[in-house]
C-alpha atoms as a PDB file:
ATOM      1  CA  MET A   1      23.056 -31.696 -41.617  1.00  0.00           C
ATOM      2  CA  LYS A   2      20.453 -33.865 -39.816  1.00  0.00           C
ATOM      3  CA  THR A   3      17.959 -33.384 -42.732  1.00  0.00           C
ATOM      4  CA  THR A   4      20.692 -34.389 -45.237  1.00  0.00           C
ATOM      5  CA  LYS A   5      21.342 -37.685 -43.589  1.00  0.00           C
ATOM      6  CA  ILE A   6      17.480 -38.471 -43.428  1.00  0.00           C
ATOM      7  CA  VAL A   7      17.220 -37.778 -47.038  1.00  0.00           C
ATOM      8  CA  ARG A   8      20.032 -40.021 -47.884  1.00  0.00           C
ATOM      9  CA  PHE A   9      18.733 -42.722 -45.671  1.00  0.00           C
ATOM     10  CA  PHE A  10      15.344 -42.660 -47.292  1.00  0.00           C
ATOM     11  CA  ALA A  11      16.876 -42.414 -50.701  1.00  0.00           C
ATOM     12  CA  PHE A  12      18.951 -45.562 -49.949  1.00  0.00           C
ATOM     13  CA  VAL A  13      15.895 -47.448 -48.513  1.00  0.00           C
ATOM     14  CA  PHE A  14      13.951 -46.507 -51.615  1.00  0.00           C
ATOM     15  CA  PHE A  15      16.780 -47.683 -53.936  1.00  0.00           C
ATOM     16  CA  VAL A  16      17.004 -51.187 -52.118  1.00  0.00           C
ATOM     17  CA  PHE A  17      13.269 -51.652 -52.373  1.00  0.00           C
ATOM     18  CA  LEU A  18      13.268 -50.682 -56.103  1.00  0.00           C
ATOM     19  CA  SER A  19      16.190 -52.998 -56.773  1.00  0.00           C
ATOM     20  CA  THR A  20      14.456 -56.044 -54.962  1.00  0.00           C
ATOM     21  CA  THR A  21      11.108 -55.617 -56.682  1.00  0.00           C
ATOM     22  CA  THR A  22      12.664 -54.881 -60.176  1.00  0.00           C
ATOM     23  CA  PHE A  23      14.714 -58.177 -60.211  1.00  0.00           C
ATOM     24  CA  SER A  24      12.677 -60.531 -57.964  1.00  0.00           C
ATOM     25  CA  GLN A  25      11.068 -62.433 -60.897  1.00  0.00           C
ATOM     26  CA  THR A  26      14.236 -63.475 -62.517  1.00  0.00           C
ATOM     27  CA  ALA A  27      14.204 -66.736 -60.597  1.00  0.00           C
ATOM     28  CA  MET A  28      11.522 -69.133 -59.552  1.00  0.00           C
ATOM     29  CA  ASN A  29      11.631 -72.240 -57.259  1.00  0.00           C
ATOM     30  CA  ALA A  30      10.597 -75.559 -58.577  1.00  0.00           C
ATOM     31  CA  SER A  31       7.399 -75.440 -56.248  1.00  0.00           C
ATOM     32  CA  GLU A  32       6.365 -72.018 -57.975  1.00  0.00           C
ATOM     33  CA  LEU A  33       6.306 -73.531 -61.400  1.00  0.00           C
ATOM     34  CA  SER A  34       2.957 -74.734 -62.613  1.00  0.00           C
ATOM     35  CA  THR A  35       1.137 -75.912 -65.715  1.00  0.00           C
ATOM     36  CA  LYS A  36      -0.081 -72.241 -66.085  1.00  0.00           C
ATOM     37  CA  TRP A  37       2.000 -69.483 -67.550  1.00  0.00           C
ATOM     38  CA  SER A  38       3.810 -67.391 -65.086  1.00  0.00           C
ATOM     39  CA  LEU A  39       5.459 -64.060 -65.860  1.00  0.00           C
ATOM     40  CA  LEU A  40       9.379 -64.476 -65.355  1.00  0.00           C
ATOM     41  CA  THR A  41      10.357 -60.976 -66.616  1.00  0.00           C
ATOM     42  CA  GLU A  42       9.227 -58.022 -68.834  1.00  0.00           C
ATOM     43  CA  GLN A  43      11.232 -55.458 -70.549  1.00  0.00           C
ATOM     44  CA  ASP A  44      10.150 -52.688 -73.049  1.00  0.00           C
ATOM     45  CA  GLY A  45       6.756 -54.322 -73.922  1.00  0.00           C
ATOM     46  CA  VAL A  46       8.179 -57.810 -74.327  1.00  0.00           C
ATOM     47  CA  LYS A  47       7.190 -60.381 -71.719  1.00  0.00           C
ATOM     48  CA  LEU A  48       8.797 -63.761 -70.906  1.00  0.00           C
ATOM     49  CA  PHE A  49       6.600 -66.518 -69.429  1.00  0.00           C
ATOM     50  CA  VAL A  50       7.392 -69.934 -68.218  1.00  0.00           C
ATOM     51  CA  LYS A  51       5.457 -73.185 -67.214  1.00  0.00           C
ATOM     52  CA  ARG A  52       6.176 -76.731 -66.330  1.00  0.00           C
ATOM     53  CA  GLU A  53       4.614 -79.607 -68.401  1.00  0.00           C
ATOM     54  CA  SER A  54       4.948 -83.302 -68.464  1.00  0.00           C
ATOM     55  CA  CYS A  55       5.112 -84.250 -72.220  1.00  0.00           C
ATOM     56  CA  LYS A  56       4.341 -87.817 -73.492  1.00  0.00           C
ATOM     57  CA  LEU A  57       6.472 -88.077 -76.483  1.00  0.00           C
ATOM     58  CA  HIS A  58       6.550 -91.918 -76.923  1.00  0.00           C
ATOM     59  CA  LYS A  59       3.843 -94.522 -76.027  1.00  0.00           C
ATOM     60  CA  THR A  60       6.251 -96.878 -74.344  1.00  0.00           C
ATOM     61  CA  GLN A  61       8.173 -94.253 -72.177  1.00  0.00           C
ATOM     62  CA  LYS A  62       7.332 -92.133 -69.276  1.00  0.00           C
ATOM     63  CA  PRO A  63       6.354 -88.421 -69.959  1.00  0.00           C
ATOM     64  CA  LEU A  64       9.334 -86.003 -69.895  1.00  0.00           C
ATOM     65  CA  ASP A  65       9.433 -83.042 -67.689  1.00  0.00           C
ATOM     66  CA  TYR A  66       9.864 -79.753 -69.585  1.00  0.00           C
ATOM     67  CA  LEU A  67      10.092 -76.033 -68.834  1.00  0.00           C
ATOM     68  CA  LEU A  68       8.090 -74.290 -71.696  1.00  0.00           C
ATOM     69  CA  VAL A  69       8.568 -70.676 -72.632  1.00  0.00           C
ATOM     70  CA  LYS A  70       6.343 -68.097 -74.223  1.00  0.00           C
ATOM     71  CA  VAL A  71       7.601 -64.774 -75.490  1.00  0.00           C
ATOM     72  CA  VAL A  72       4.934 -62.023 -76.024  1.00  0.00           C
ATOM     73  CA  ASN A  73       5.642 -58.898 -77.979  1.00  0.00           C
ATOM     74  CA  GLU A  74       3.164 -55.993 -76.967  1.00  0.00           C
ATOM     75  CA  SER A  75       5.249 -53.198 -78.514  1.00  0.00           C
ATOM     76  CA  GLY A  76       4.411 -51.766 -81.892  1.00  0.00           C
ATOM     77  CA  GLU A  77       7.652 -52.912 -83.535  1.00  0.00           C
ATOM     78  CA  ALA A  78       9.309 -56.093 -84.443  1.00  0.00           C
ATOM     79  CA  VAL A  79      11.895 -57.260 -81.842  1.00  0.00           C
ATOM     80  CA  THR A  80      14.321 -60.173 -81.395  1.00  0.00           C
ATOM     81  CA  SER A  81      14.262 -61.535 -78.008  1.00  0.00           C
ATOM     82  CA  ASN A  82      17.495 -63.161 -76.686  1.00  0.00           C
ATOM     83  CA  PHE A  83      17.511 -64.954 -73.449  1.00  0.00           C
ATOM     84  CA  GLN A  84      19.227 -67.782 -71.426  1.00  0.00           C
ATOM     85  CA  ILE A  85      17.635 -69.679 -68.529  1.00  0.00           C
ATOM     86  CA  GLY A  86      19.631 -71.774 -66.198  1.00  0.00           C
ATOM     87  CA  LEU A  87      18.141 -74.980 -64.484  1.00  0.00           C
ATOM     88  CA  HIS A  88      19.411 -75.300 -60.827  1.00  0.00           C
ATOM     89  CA  TYR A  89      19.574 -78.872 -59.460  1.00  0.00           C
ATOM     90  CA  ASN A  90      21.081 -80.022 -56.076  1.00  0.00           C
ATOM     91  CA  GLU A  91      24.287 -80.895 -57.855  1.00  0.00           C
ATOM     92  CA  GLY A  92      24.773 -77.650 -59.709  1.00  0.00           C
ATOM     93  CA  CYS A  93      23.281 -75.604 -62.593  1.00  0.00           C
ATOM     94  CA  THR A  94      22.702 -76.575 -66.242  1.00  0.00           C
ATOM     95  CA  GLY A  95      22.856 -73.638 -68.622  1.00  0.00           C
ATOM     96  CA  CYS A  96      24.088 -71.106 -66.164  1.00  0.00           C
ATOM     97  CA  GLU A  97      27.457 -70.431 -67.862  1.00  0.00           C
ATOM     98  CA  GLN A  98      26.904 -67.795 -70.673  1.00  0.00           C
ATOM     99  CA  ASN A  99      27.191 -70.122 -73.631  1.00  0.00           C
ATOM    100  CA  VAL A 100      26.051 -69.822 -77.184  1.00  0.00           C
ATOM    101  CA  GLU A 101      24.573 -73.414 -77.053  1.00  0.00           C
ATOM    102  CA  THR A 102      22.188 -72.437 -74.174  1.00  0.00           C
ATOM    103  CA  TYR A 103      21.032 -69.123 -75.537  1.00  0.00           C
ATOM    104  CA  ARG A 104      17.649 -68.854 -77.251  1.00  0.00           C
ATOM    105  CA  SER A 105      16.795 -66.153 -79.886  1.00  0.00           C
ATOM    106  CA  VAL A 106      13.250 -65.552 -81.102  1.00  0.00           C
ATOM    107  CA  LEU A 107      12.160 -62.933 -83.680  1.00  0.00           C
ATOM    108  CA  LEU A 108       8.809 -61.601 -82.893  1.00  0.00           C
ATOM    109  CA  ALA A 109       6.639 -59.333 -85.234  1.00  0.00           C
ATOM    110  CA  SER A 110       4.772 -56.448 -83.419  1.00  0.00           C
ATOM    111  CA  ASN A 111       2.064 -57.379 -81.126  1.00  0.00           C
ATOM    112  CA  SER A 112       2.752 -61.177 -81.527  1.00  0.00           C
ATOM    113  CA  SER A 113       3.889 -64.100 -79.415  1.00  0.00           C
ATOM    114  CA  GLU A 114       5.716 -67.339 -79.892  1.00  0.00           C
ATOM    115  CA  GLU A 115       5.393 -70.409 -77.362  1.00  0.00           C
ATOM    116  CA  CYS A 116       6.140 -74.004 -77.248  1.00  0.00           C
ATOM    117  CA  ASP A 117       3.809 -76.779 -76.272  1.00  0.00           C
ATOM    118  CA  CYS A 118       4.136 -80.558 -75.872  1.00  0.00           C
ATOM    119  CA  THR A 119       3.808 -81.009 -79.722  1.00  0.00           C
ATOM    120  CA  PHE A 120       7.117 -79.144 -80.181  1.00  0.00           C
ATOM    121  CA  LYS A 121       5.821 -78.115 -83.709  1.00  0.00           C
ATOM    122  CA  SER A 122       5.621 -74.532 -83.241  1.00  0.00           C
ATOM    123  CA  ASN A 123       8.947 -73.507 -81.758  1.00  0.00           C
ATOM    124  CA  GLY A 124      10.981 -76.282 -80.075  1.00  0.00           C
ATOM    125  CA  GLN A 125      13.759 -73.840 -79.027  1.00  0.00           C
ATOM    126  CA  LEU A 126      11.505 -72.425 -76.365  1.00  0.00           C
ATOM    127  CA  SER A 127      11.796 -75.649 -74.257  1.00  0.00           C
ATOM    128  CA  LEU A 128      14.141 -77.000 -71.777  1.00  0.00           C
ATOM    129  CA  LEU A 129      14.237 -80.428 -70.667  1.00  0.00           C
ATOM    130  CA  ILE A 130      14.047 -80.546 -66.861  1.00  0.00           C
ATOM    131  CA  LYS A 131      14.033 -84.286 -66.125  1.00  0.00           C
ATOM    132  CA  ASN A 132      13.863 -87.560 -68.153  1.00  0.00           C
ATOM    133  CA  PRO A 133      12.428 -90.331 -65.857  1.00  0.00           C
ATOM    134  CA  ASN A 134      13.218 -92.902 -68.410  1.00  0.00           C
ATOM    135  CA  HIS A 135      17.015 -92.426 -67.552  1.00  0.00           C
ATOM    136  CA  LEU A 136      18.684 -92.899 -64.158  1.00  0.00           C
ATOM    137  CA  ASP A 137      19.287 -89.527 -62.825  1.00  0.00           C
ATOM    138  CA  ASP A 138      19.662 -88.673 -59.116  1.00  0.00           C
ATOM    139  CA  ARG A 139      19.543 -84.909 -59.491  1.00  0.00           C
ATOM    140  CA  VAL A 140      16.844 -83.016 -57.817  1.00  0.00           C
ATOM    141  CA  PHE A 141      15.440 -80.049 -59.669  1.00  0.00           C
ATOM    142  CA  GLU A 142      15.332 -76.964 -57.381  1.00  0.00           C
ATOM    143  CA  SER A 143      14.745 -73.806 -59.541  1.00  0.00           C
ATOM    144  CA  ILE A 144      15.168 -71.749 -62.646  1.00  0.00           C
ATOM    145  CA  GLU A 145      17.099 -68.591 -63.179  1.00  0.00           C
ATOM    146  CA  LEU A 146      17.032 -66.127 -65.943  1.00  0.00           C
ATOM    147  CA  ILE A 147      20.714 -65.717 -66.721  1.00  0.00           C
ATOM    148  CA  ASP A 148      20.361 -63.028 -69.481  1.00  0.00           C
ATOM    149  CA  PHE A 149      17.590 -61.284 -71.450  1.00  0.00           C
ATOM    150  CA  LYS A 150      18.107 -58.767 -74.240  1.00  0.00           C
ATOM    151  CA  LEU A 151      16.126 -57.250 -76.995  1.00  0.00           C
ATOM    152  CA  ASP A 152      17.435 -56.291 -80.395  1.00  0.00           C
END
């Protein structure tokens, strides 16, 4: 009886530990985002990276603050990556409701990648506007959250 309780206790602790390590990277604070790619999640050989960049789009305006996404397919087959990232601000979340408009879908050949940069020529859908300093906006950006990530 005592052995069964001990086994159950350790199984419970192991499950809790596994759960927190498996899902710990589905959110990142604003302070964790940098101009270098950071792994947000990985599933079946497909990795989702994010970074924060200031992109100068117009000579007469201040640079815009973007979250840029890179999807890497290290599997041996073509895959479609479907994901949704929410942007948390002090006044709520943009893109946190499951909505077709905030969903991103990227078709990747085997052993390939797609990413967005400040030219927006390669794949503009892999970007999310965090802040436009050219418009009055009192919201404070706090974090990102991976709302959904599926592979087809």
